[in-house]
Amino acid sequence: MRITIADVDHVAMLARLAFSAEEKAEMAEQLSRIVGYIEKLNELDTEDVSPTAHAVPLRNVLRDDRVRPSLDIADALANAPDREGGYFKVPRILESE
């Protein structure tokens, strides 16, 4: 599968990134090579390989979740540059299309 400049444009727009024409061409080429490598992996015979979620056995070493006291809303919002009601108010970053 070849990644096109249009594909790069679409992903760049979603990620809010800007690339020059030269960078887009380079990105399309690099992504095409990556996808090509992944397609090669699909050619491997994995019939006798059992599915796994992890390459090595893992166990949870994290603590259990517990409800603990935290900041009240007034303290959390005390230094906020802008707030509305009980929420932080942040600048809009998504434009409508």
PDB file of N, CA and C in Angstrom:
ATOM      1  N   MET A   1       0.852  -1.180   0.000  1.00  0.00           N
ATOM      2  CA  MET A   1       0.000   0.000   0.000  1.00  0.00           C
ATOM      3  C   MET A   1       0.895   1.239   0.000  1.00  0.00           C
ATOM      4  N   ARG A   2       0.626   2.130  -0.905  1.00  0.00           N
ATOM      5  CA  ARG A   2       1.367   3.387  -0.970  1.00  0.00           C
ATOM      6  C   ARG A   2       0.615   4.454  -0.192  1.00  0.00           C
ATOM      7  N   ILE A   3       1.340   5.193   0.610  1.00  0.00           N
ATOM      8  CA  ILE A   3       0.775   6.336   1.323  1.00  0.00           C
ATOM      9  C   ILE A   3       0.914   7.546   0.403  1.00  0.00           C
ATOM     10  N   THR A   4      -0.174   8.231   0.174  1.00  0.00           N
ATOM     11  CA  THR A   4      -0.163   9.374  -0.741  1.00  0.00           C
ATOM     12  C   THR A   4       0.018  10.684   0.030  1.00  0.00           C
ATOM     13  N   ILE A   5       0.301  11.726  -0.715  1.00  0.00           N
ATOM     14  CA  ILE A   5       0.394  13.064  -0.121  1.00  0.00           C
ATOM     15  C   ILE A   5      -0.952  13.430   0.508  1.00  0.00           C
ATOM     16  N   ALA A   6      -2.054  13.010  -0.127  1.00  0.00           N
ATOM     17  CA  ALA A   6      -3.391  13.282   0.433  1.00  0.00           C
ATOM     18  C   ALA A   6      -3.551  12.597   1.790  1.00  0.00           C
ATOM     19  N   ASP A   7      -3.006  11.369   1.927  1.00  0.00           N
ATOM     20  CA  ASP A   7      -3.052  10.675   3.222  1.00  0.00           C
ATOM     21  C   ASP A   7      -2.271  11.464   4.272  1.00  0.00           C
ATOM     22  N   VAL A   8      -1.092  11.926   3.899  1.00  0.00           N
ATOM     23  CA  VAL A   8      -0.265  12.717   4.820  1.00  0.00           C
ATOM     24  C   VAL A   8      -0.987  14.008   5.194  1.00  0.00           C
ATOM     25  N   ASP A   9      -1.596  14.666   4.209  1.00  0.00           N
ATOM     26  CA  ASP A   9      -2.358  15.893   4.482  1.00  0.00           C
ATOM     27  C   ASP A   9      -3.476  15.632   5.488  1.00  0.00           C
ATOM     28  N   HIS A  10      -4.186  14.524   5.309  1.00  0.00           N
ATOM     29  CA  HIS A  10      -5.308  14.195   6.193  1.00  0.00           C
ATOM     30  C   HIS A  10      -4.828  13.971   7.628  1.00  0.00           C
ATOM     31  N   VAL A  11      -3.788  13.160   7.789  1.00  0.00           N
ATOM     32  CA  VAL A  11      -3.268  12.879   9.132  1.00  0.00           C
ATOM     33  C   VAL A  11      -2.680  14.146   9.751  1.00  0.00           C
ATOM     34  N   ALA A  12      -1.998  14.952   8.959  1.00  0.00           N
ATOM     35  CA  ALA A  12      -1.427  16.208   9.466  1.00  0.00           C
ATOM     36  C   ALA A  12      -2.531  17.142   9.949  1.00  0.00           C
ATOM     37  N   MET A  13      -3.632  17.201   9.213  1.00  0.00           N
ATOM     38  CA  MET A  13      -4.751  18.052   9.626  1.00  0.00           C
ATOM     39  C   MET A  13      -5.335  17.547  10.946  1.00  0.00           C
ATOM     40  N   LEU A  14      -5.496  16.226  11.080  1.00  0.00           N
ATOM     41  CA  LEU A  14      -6.031  15.665  12.321  1.00  0.00           C
ATOM     42  C   LEU A  14      -5.115  15.955  13.507  1.00  0.00           C
ATOM     43  N   ALA A  15      -3.805  15.924  13.265  1.00  0.00           N
ATOM     44  CA  ALA A  15      -2.830  16.156  14.333  1.00  0.00           C
ATOM     45  C   ALA A  15      -2.480  17.634  14.481  1.00  0.00           C
ATOM     46  N   ARG A  16      -3.066  18.472  13.649  1.00  0.00           N
ATOM     47  CA  ARG A  16      -2.797  19.913  13.657  1.00  0.00           C
ATOM     48  C   ARG A  16      -1.302  20.189  13.441  1.00  0.00           C
ATOM     49  N   LEU A  17      -0.738  19.501  12.430  1.00  0.00           N
ATOM     50  CA  LEU A  17       0.662  19.687  12.060  1.00  0.00           C
ATOM     51  C   LEU A  17       0.732  20.333  10.687  1.00  0.00           C
ATOM     52  N   ALA A  18       1.772  21.098  10.463  1.00  0.00           N
ATOM     53  CA  ALA A  18       1.982  21.726   9.155  1.00  0.00           C
ATOM     54  C   ALA A  18       3.315  21.248   8.596  1.00  0.00           C
ATOM     55  N   PHE A  19       3.303  20.785   7.350  1.00  0.00           N
ATOM     56  CA  PHE A  19       4.513  20.315   6.688  1.00  0.00           C
ATOM     57  C   PHE A  19       4.693  21.055   5.370  1.00  0.00           C
ATOM     58  N   SER A  20       5.938  21.236   4.982  1.00  0.00           N
ATOM     59  CA  SER A  20       6.220  21.783   3.654  1.00  0.00           C
ATOM     60  C   SER A  20       5.964  20.676   2.630  1.00  0.00           C
ATOM     61  N   ALA A  21       5.925  21.032   1.352  1.00  0.00           N
ATOM     62  CA  ALA A  21       5.707  20.042   0.292  1.00  0.00           C
ATOM     63  C   ALA A  21       6.806  18.980   0.323  1.00  0.00           C
ATOM     64  N   GLU A  22       8.033  19.411   0.583  1.00  0.00           N
ATOM     65  CA  GLU A  22       9.157  18.474   0.645  1.00  0.00           C
ATOM     66  C   GLU A  22       8.997  17.514   1.824  1.00  0.00           C
ATOM     67  N   GLU A  23       8.601  18.035   2.970  1.00  0.00           N
ATOM     68  CA  GLU A  23       8.396  17.192   4.153  1.00  0.00           C
ATOM     69  C   GLU A  23       7.250  16.208   3.935  1.00  0.00           C
ATOM     70  N   LYS A  24       6.191  16.654   3.255  1.00  0.00           N
ATOM     71  CA  LYS A  24       5.065  15.754   2.967  1.00  0.00           C
ATOM     72  C   LYS A  24       5.513  14.591   2.097  1.00  0.00           C
ATOM     73  N   ALA A  25       6.318  14.886   1.074  1.00  0.00           N
ATOM     74  CA  ALA A  25       6.810  13.831   0.185  1.00  0.00           C
ATOM     75  C   ALA A  25       7.683  12.846   0.953  1.00  0.00           C
ATOM     76  N   GLU A  26       8.553  13.367   1.807  1.00  0.00           N
ATOM     77  CA  GLU A  26       9.422  12.509   2.612  1.00  0.00           C
ATOM     78  C   GLU A  26       8.599  11.670   3.587  1.00  0.00           C
ATOM     79  N   MET A  27       7.602  12.287   4.211  1.00  0.00           N
ATOM     80  CA  MET A  27       6.742  11.580   5.157  1.00  0.00           C
ATOM     81  C   MET A  27       5.965  10.471   4.448  1.00  0.00           C
ATOM     82  N   ALA A  28       5.444  10.750   3.257  1.00  0.00           N
ATOM     83  CA  ALA A  28       4.705   9.740   2.499  1.00  0.00           C
ATOM     84  C   ALA A  28       5.611   8.553   2.181  1.00  0.00           C
ATOM     85  N   GLU A  29       6.851   8.830   1.795  1.00  0.00           N
ATOM     86  CA  GLU A  29       7.799   7.755   1.478  1.00  0.00           C
ATOM     87  C   GLU A  29       8.127   6.924   2.721  1.00  0.00           C
ATOM     88  N   GLN A  30       8.408   7.578   3.831  1.00  0.00           N
ATOM     89  CA  GLN A  30       8.732   6.859   5.067  1.00  0.00           C
ATOM     90  C   GLN A  30       7.558   6.008   5.538  1.00  0.00           C
ATOM     91  N   LEU A  31       6.364   6.577   5.518  1.00  0.00           N
ATOM     92  CA  LEU A  31       5.186   5.822   5.957  1.00  0.00           C
ATOM     93  C   LEU A  31       4.898   4.653   5.018  1.00  0.00           C
ATOM     94  N   SER A  32       5.139   4.829   3.732  1.00  0.00           N
ATOM     95  CA  SER A  32       4.949   3.736   2.775  1.00  0.00           C
ATOM     96  C   SER A  32       5.904   2.588   3.070  1.00  0.00           C
ATOM     97  N   ARG A  33       7.150   2.906   3.422  1.00  0.00           N
ATOM     98  CA  ARG A  33       8.111   1.852   3.777  1.00  0.00           C
ATOM     99  C   ARG A  33       7.674   1.117   5.040  1.00  0.00           C
ATOM    100  N   ILE A  34       7.157   1.846   6.024  1.00  0.00           N
ATOM    101  CA  ILE A  34       6.695   1.225   7.270  1.00  0.00           C
ATOM    102  C   ILE A  34       5.526   0.292   6.987  1.00  0.00           C
ATOM    103  N   VAL A  35       4.557   0.766   6.215  1.00  0.00           N
ATOM    104  CA  VAL A  35       3.398  -0.067   5.878  1.00  0.00           C
ATOM    105  C   VAL A  35       3.848  -1.276   5.064  1.00  0.00           C
ATOM    106  N   GLY A  36       4.801  -1.092   4.164  1.00  0.00           N
ATOM    107  CA  GLY A  36       5.339  -2.212   3.389  1.00  0.00           C
ATOM    108  C   GLY A  36       5.956  -3.269   4.285  1.00  0.00           C
ATOM    109  N   TYR A  37       6.677  -2.849   5.308  1.00  0.00           N
ATOM    110  CA  TYR A  37       7.271  -3.794   6.251  1.00  0.00           C
ATOM    111  C   TYR A  37       6.180  -4.564   6.991  1.00  0.00           C
ATOM    112  N   ILE A  38       5.147  -3.875   7.416  1.00  0.00           N
ATOM    113  CA  ILE A  38       4.050  -4.534   8.124  1.00  0.00           C
ATOM    114  C   ILE A  38       3.354  -5.526   7.203  1.00  0.00           C
ATOM    115  N   GLU A  39       3.190  -5.178   5.926  1.00  0.00           N
ATOM    116  CA  GLU A  39       2.587  -6.109   4.973  1.00  0.00           C
ATOM    117  C   GLU A  39       3.450  -7.356   4.818  1.00  0.00           C
ATOM    118  N   LYS A  40       4.768  -7.206   4.885  1.00  0.00           N
ATOM    119  CA  LYS A  40       5.665  -8.362   4.825  1.00  0.00           C
ATOM    120  C   LYS A  40       5.435  -9.288   6.015  1.00  0.00           C
ATOM    121  N   LEU A  41       5.195  -8.707   7.191  1.00  0.00           N
ATOM    122  CA  LEU A  41       4.935  -9.523   8.375  1.00  0.00           C
ATOM    123  C   LEU A  41       3.677 -10.361   8.205  1.00  0.00           C
ATOM    124  N   ASN A  42       2.713  -9.861   7.441  1.00  0.00           N
ATOM    125  CA  ASN A  42       1.485 -10.613   7.199  1.00  0.00           C
ATOM    126  C   ASN A  42       1.731 -11.874   6.387  1.00  0.00           C
ATOM    127  N   GLU A  43       2.869 -11.965   5.703  1.00  0.00           N
ATOM    128  CA  GLU A  43       3.202 -13.143   4.913  1.00  0.00           C
ATOM    129  C   GLU A  43       3.719 -14.292   5.777  1.00  0.00           C
ATOM    130  N   LEU A  44       4.083 -14.017   7.026  1.00  0.00           N
ATOM    131  CA  LEU A  44       4.616 -15.057   7.901  1.00  0.00           C
ATOM    132  C   LEU A  44       3.552 -16.086   8.240  1.00  0.00           C
ATOM    133  N   ASP A  45       3.977 -17.354   8.312  1.00  0.00           N
ATOM    134  CA  ASP A  45       3.066 -18.429   8.708  1.00  0.00           C
ATOM    135  C   ASP A  45       3.012 -18.464  10.231  1.00  0.00           C
ATOM    136  N   THR A  46       1.892 -18.071  10.789  1.00  0.00           N
ATOM    137  CA  THR A  46       1.723 -18.059  12.247  1.00  0.00           C
ATOM    138  C   THR A  46       0.662 -19.065  12.685  1.00  0.00           C
ATOM    139  N   GLU A  47       0.410 -20.047  11.833  1.00  0.00           N
ATOM    140  CA  GLU A  47      -0.626 -21.046  12.105  1.00  0.00           C
ATOM    141  C   GLU A  47      -0.419 -21.736  13.450  1.00  0.00           C
ATOM    142  N   ASP A  48       0.825 -22.081  13.779  1.00  0.00           N
ATOM    143  CA  ASP A  48       1.102 -22.824  15.015  1.00  0.00           C
ATOM    144  C   ASP A  48       1.498 -21.922  16.180  1.00  0.00           C
ATOM    145  N   VAL A  49       1.329 -20.622  16.038  1.00  0.00           N
ATOM    146  CA  VAL A  49       1.686 -19.685  17.100  1.00  0.00           C
ATOM    147  C   VAL A  49       0.408 -19.245  17.800  1.00  0.00           C
ATOM    148  N   SER A  50       0.372 -19.472  19.117  1.00  0.00           N
ATOM    149  CA  SER A  50      -0.840 -19.086  19.845  1.00  0.00           C
ATOM    150  C   SER A  50      -0.867 -17.569  20.041  1.00  0.00           C
ATOM    151  N   PRO A  51      -2.057 -16.982  19.961  1.00  0.00           N
ATOM    152  CA  PRO A  51      -2.174 -15.533  20.154  1.00  0.00           C
ATOM    153  C   PRO A  51      -1.751 -15.126  21.566  1.00  0.00           C
ATOM    154  N   THR A  52      -1.105 -13.984  21.672  1.00  0.00           N
ATOM    155  CA  THR A  52      -0.696 -13.474  22.979  1.00  0.00           C
ATOM    156  C   THR A  52      -1.002 -11.986  23.059  1.00  0.00           C
ATOM    157  N   ALA A  53      -1.172 -11.517  24.265  1.00  0.00           N
ATOM    158  CA  ALA A  53      -1.367 -10.087  24.472  1.00  0.00           C
ATOM    159  C   ALA A  53      -0.028  -9.413  24.765  1.00  0.00           C
ATOM    160  N   HIS A  54       0.918 -10.171  25.331  1.00  0.00           N
ATOM    161  CA  HIS A  54       2.237  -9.639  25.685  1.00  0.00           C
ATOM    162  C   HIS A  54       3.300 -10.652  25.287  1.00  0.00           C
ATOM    163  N   ALA A  55       4.464 -10.158  24.948  1.00  0.00           N
ATOM    164  CA  ALA A  55       5.558 -11.038  24.557  1.00  0.00           C
ATOM    165  C   ALA A  55       6.139 -11.791  25.751  1.00  0.00           C
ATOM    166  N   VAL A  56       6.018 -11.209  26.927  1.00  0.00           N
ATOM    167  CA  VAL A  56       6.525 -11.852  28.141  1.00  0.00           C
ATOM    168  C   VAL A  56       5.419 -11.866  29.187  1.00  0.00           C
ATOM    169  N   PRO A  57       5.443 -12.865  30.086  1.00  0.00           N
ATOM    170  CA  PRO A  57       4.400 -12.883  31.118  1.00  0.00           C
ATOM    171  C   PRO A  57       4.528 -11.671  32.043  1.00  0.00           C
ATOM    172  N   LEU A  58       3.422 -11.033  32.318  1.00  0.00           N
ATOM    173  CA  LEU A  58       3.419  -9.854  33.175  1.00  0.00           C
ATOM    174  C   LEU A  58       2.477 -10.065  34.344  1.00  0.00           C
ATOM    175  N   ARG A  59       2.778  -9.371  35.420  1.00  0.00           N
ATOM    176  CA  ARG A  59       1.834  -9.356  36.528  1.00  0.00           C
ATOM    177  C   ARG A  59       1.704  -7.912  36.979  1.00  0.00           C
ATOM    178  N   ASN A  60       0.568  -7.591  37.537  1.00  0.00           N
ATOM    179  CA  ASN A  60       0.314  -6.227  37.967  1.00  0.00           C
ATOM    180  C   ASN A  60       1.118  -5.935  39.232  1.00  0.00           C
ATOM    181  N   VAL A  61       2.007  -4.965  39.150  1.00  0.00           N
ATOM    182  CA  VAL A  61       2.816  -4.601  40.310  1.00  0.00           C
ATOM    183  C   VAL A  61       2.395  -3.247  40.865  1.00  0.00           C
ATOM    184  N   LEU A  62       1.281  -2.732  40.375  1.00  0.00           N
ATOM    185  CA  LEU A  62       0.798  -1.443  40.838  1.00  0.00           C
ATOM    186  C   LEU A  62      -0.096  -1.619  42.054  1.00  0.00           C
ATOM    187  N   ARG A  63      -0.257  -0.563  42.798  1.00  0.00           N
ATOM    188  CA  ARG A  63      -1.118  -0.618  43.974  1.00  0.00           C
ATOM    189  C   ARG A  63      -2.576  -0.648  43.555  1.00  0.00           C
ATOM    190  N   ASP A  64      -3.439  -1.101  44.436  1.00  0.00           N
ATOM    191  CA  ASP A  64      -4.873  -1.072  44.183  1.00  0.00           C
ATOM    192  C   ASP A  64      -5.356   0.369  44.197  1.00  0.00           C
ATOM    193  N   ASP A  65      -6.359   0.646  43.391  1.00  0.00           N
ATOM    194  CA  ASP A  65      -6.967   1.979  43.400  1.00  0.00           C
ATOM    195  C   ASP A  65      -7.764   2.155  44.681  1.00  0.00           C
ATOM    196  N   ARG A  66      -7.594   3.309  45.310  1.00  0.00           N
ATOM    197  CA  ARG A  66      -8.352   3.624  46.525  1.00  0.00           C
ATOM    198  C   ARG A  66      -8.834   5.060  46.429  1.00  0.00           C
ATOM    199  N   VAL A  67     -10.038   5.303  46.896  1.00  0.00           N
ATOM    200  CA  VAL A  67     -10.540   6.669  46.960  1.00  0.00           C
ATOM    201  C   VAL A  67      -9.842   7.352  48.118  1.00  0.00           C
ATOM    202  N   ARG A  68      -9.242   8.507  47.836  1.00  0.00           N
ATOM    203  CA  ARG A  68      -8.538   9.254  48.876  1.00  0.00           C
ATOM    204  C   ARG A  68      -8.958  10.711  48.800  1.00  0.00           C
ATOM    205  N   PRO A  69      -8.771  11.455  49.870  1.00  0.00           N
ATOM    206  CA  PRO A  69      -9.120  12.880  49.835  1.00  0.00           C
ATOM    207  C   PRO A  69      -8.284  13.610  48.784  1.00  0.00           C
ATOM    208  N   SER A  70      -8.900  14.599  48.158  1.00  0.00           N
ATOM    209  CA  SER A  70      -8.176  15.396  47.168  1.00  0.00           C
ATOM    210  C   SER A  70      -8.597  16.855  47.320  1.00  0.00           C
ATOM    211  N   LEU A  71      -8.110  17.700  46.433  1.00  0.00           N
ATOM    212  CA  LEU A  71      -8.440  19.122  46.494  1.00  0.00           C
ATOM    213  C   LEU A  71      -9.936  19.336  46.293  1.00  0.00           C
ATOM    214  N   ASP A  72     -10.473  20.316  47.005  1.00  0.00           N
ATOM    215  CA  ASP A  72     -11.857  20.665  46.696  1.00  0.00           C
ATOM    216  C   ASP A  72     -11.841  21.573  45.464  1.00  0.00           C
ATOM    217  N   ILE A  73     -12.986  21.775  44.863  1.00  0.00           N
ATOM    218  CA  ILE A  73     -13.077  22.509  43.602  1.00  0.00           C
ATOM    219  C   ILE A  73     -12.502  23.919  43.715  1.00  0.00           C
ATOM    220  N   ALA A  74     -12.801  24.619  44.786  1.00  0.00           N
ATOM    221  CA  ALA A  74     -12.307  26.000  44.944  1.00  0.00           C
ATOM    222  C   ALA A  74     -10.785  26.041  44.962  1.00  0.00           C
ATOM    223  N   ASP A  75     -10.145  25.110  45.685  1.00  0.00           N
ATOM    224  CA  ASP A  75      -8.679  25.074  45.725  1.00  0.00           C
ATOM    225  C   ASP A  75      -8.098  24.706  44.361  1.00  0.00           C
ATOM    226  N   ALA A  76      -8.724  23.755  43.680  1.00  0.00           N
ATOM    227  CA  ALA A  76      -8.225  23.326  42.371  1.00  0.00           C
ATOM    228  C   ALA A  76      -8.291  24.466  41.358  1.00  0.00           C
ATOM    229  N   LEU A  77      -9.331  25.285  41.445  1.00  0.00           N
ATOM    230  CA  LEU A  77      -9.519  26.372  40.486  1.00  0.00           C
ATOM    231  C   LEU A  77      -8.903  27.696  40.928  1.00  0.00           C
ATOM    232  N   ALA A  78      -8.315  27.727  42.118  1.00  0.00           N
ATOM    233  CA  ALA A  78      -7.824  28.989  42.692  1.00  0.00           C
ATOM    234  C   ALA A  78      -6.852  29.723  41.776  1.00  0.00           C
ATOM    235  N   ASN A  79      -5.937  29.036  41.122  1.00  0.00           N
ATOM    236  CA  ASN A  79      -4.933  29.687  40.275  1.00  0.00           C
ATOM    237  C   ASN A  79      -5.238  29.573  38.787  1.00  0.00           C
ATOM    238  N   ALA A  80      -6.420  29.108  38.448  1.00  0.00           N
ATOM    239  CA  ALA A  80      -6.781  28.960  37.031  1.00  0.00           C
ATOM    240  C   ALA A  80      -6.920  30.335  36.389  1.00  0.00           C
ATOM    241  N   PRO A  81      -6.302  30.546  35.230  1.00  0.00           N
ATOM    242  CA  PRO A  81      -6.426  31.844  34.575  1.00  0.00           C
ATOM    243  C   PRO A  81      -7.851  32.121  34.100  1.00  0.00           C
ATOM    244  N   ASP A  82      -8.602  31.084  33.805  1.00  0.00           N
ATOM    245  CA  ASP A  82      -9.980  31.271  33.354  1.00  0.00           C
ATOM    246  C   ASP A  82     -10.793  30.060  33.781  1.00  0.00           C
ATOM    247  N   ARG A  83     -11.983  30.306  34.261  1.00  0.00           N
ATOM    248  CA  ARG A  83     -12.854  29.207  34.691  1.00  0.00           C
ATOM    249  C   ARG A  83     -14.299  29.593  34.429  1.00  0.00           C
ATOM    250  N   GLU A  84     -15.127  28.589  34.359  1.00  0.00           N
ATOM    251  CA  GLU A  84     -16.553  28.814  34.151  1.00  0.00           C
ATOM    252  C   GLU A  84     -17.293  27.787  34.993  1.00  0.00           C
ATOM    253  N   GLY A  85     -18.094  28.263  35.925  1.00  0.00           N
ATOM    254  CA  GLY A  85     -18.746  27.341  36.842  1.00  0.00           C
ATOM    255  C   GLY A  85     -17.679  26.641  37.658  1.00  0.00           C
ATOM    256  N   GLY A  86     -17.757  25.355  37.769  1.00  0.00           N
ATOM    257  CA  GLY A  86     -16.753  24.593  38.506  1.00  0.00           C
ATOM    258  C   GLY A  86     -15.738  23.934  37.602  1.00  0.00           C
ATOM    259  N   TYR A  87     -15.473  24.530  36.428  1.00  0.00           N
ATOM    260  CA  TYR A  87     -14.598  23.900  35.445  1.00  0.00           C
ATOM    261  C   TYR A  87     -13.503  24.856  34.986  1.00  0.00           C
ATOM    262  N   PHE A  88     -12.356  24.265  34.562  1.00  0.00           N
ATOM    263  CA  PHE A  88     -11.318  25.047  33.905  1.00  0.00           C
ATOM    264  C   PHE A  88     -11.838  25.433  32.524  1.00  0.00           C
ATOM    265  N   LYS A  89     -11.575  26.652  32.098  1.00  0.00           N
ATOM    266  CA  LYS A  89     -11.951  27.072  30.753  1.00  0.00           C
ATOM    267  C   LYS A  89     -10.662  27.261  29.973  1.00  0.00           C
ATOM    268  N   VAL A  90     -10.566  26.566  28.849  1.00  0.00           N
ATOM    269  CA  VAL A  90      -9.344  26.605  28.040  1.00  0.00           C
ATOM    270  C   VAL A  90      -9.677  27.131  26.647  1.00  0.00           C
ATOM    271  N   PRO A  91      -8.675  27.664  25.940  1.00  0.00           N
ATOM    272  CA  PRO A  91      -8.930  28.168  24.591  1.00  0.00           C
ATOM    273  C   PRO A  91      -9.352  27.038  23.648  1.00  0.00           C
ATOM    274  N   ARG A  92     -10.228  27.367  22.734  1.00  0.00           N
ATOM    275  CA  ARG A  92     -10.680  26.406  21.730  1.00  0.00           C
ATOM    276  C   ARG A  92      -9.509  26.096  20.795  1.00  0.00           C
ATOM    277  N   ILE A  93      -9.306  24.800  20.492  1.00  0.00           N
ATOM    278  CA  ILE A  93      -8.220  24.429  19.582  1.00  0.00           C
ATOM    279  C   ILE A  93      -8.736  23.781  18.304  1.00  0.00           C
ATOM    280  N   LEU A  94      -9.970  23.315  18.309  1.00  0.00           N
ATOM    281  CA  LEU A  94     -10.524  22.673  17.124  1.00  0.00           C
ATOM    282  C   LEU A  94     -11.393  23.663  16.367  1.00  0.00           C
ATOM    283  N   GLU A  95     -11.149  23.744  15.101  1.00  0.00           N
ATOM    284  CA  GLU A  95     -11.948  24.612  14.245  1.00  0.00           C
ATOM    285  C   GLU A  95     -13.014  23.764  13.576  1.00  0.00           C
ATOM    286  N   SER A  96     -14.158  24.335  13.290  1.00  0.00           N
ATOM    287  CA  SER A  96     -15.177  23.584  12.561  1.00  0.00           C
ATOM    288  C   SER A  96     -14.779  23.537  11.092  1.00  0.00           C
ATOM    289  N   GLU A  97     -15.094  22.402  10.478  1.00  0.00           N
ATOM    290  CA  GLU A  97     -14.708  22.212   9.072  1.00  0.00           C
ATOM    291  C   GLU A  97     -15.856  22.523   8.166  1.00  0.00           C
TER     292      GLU A  97
END
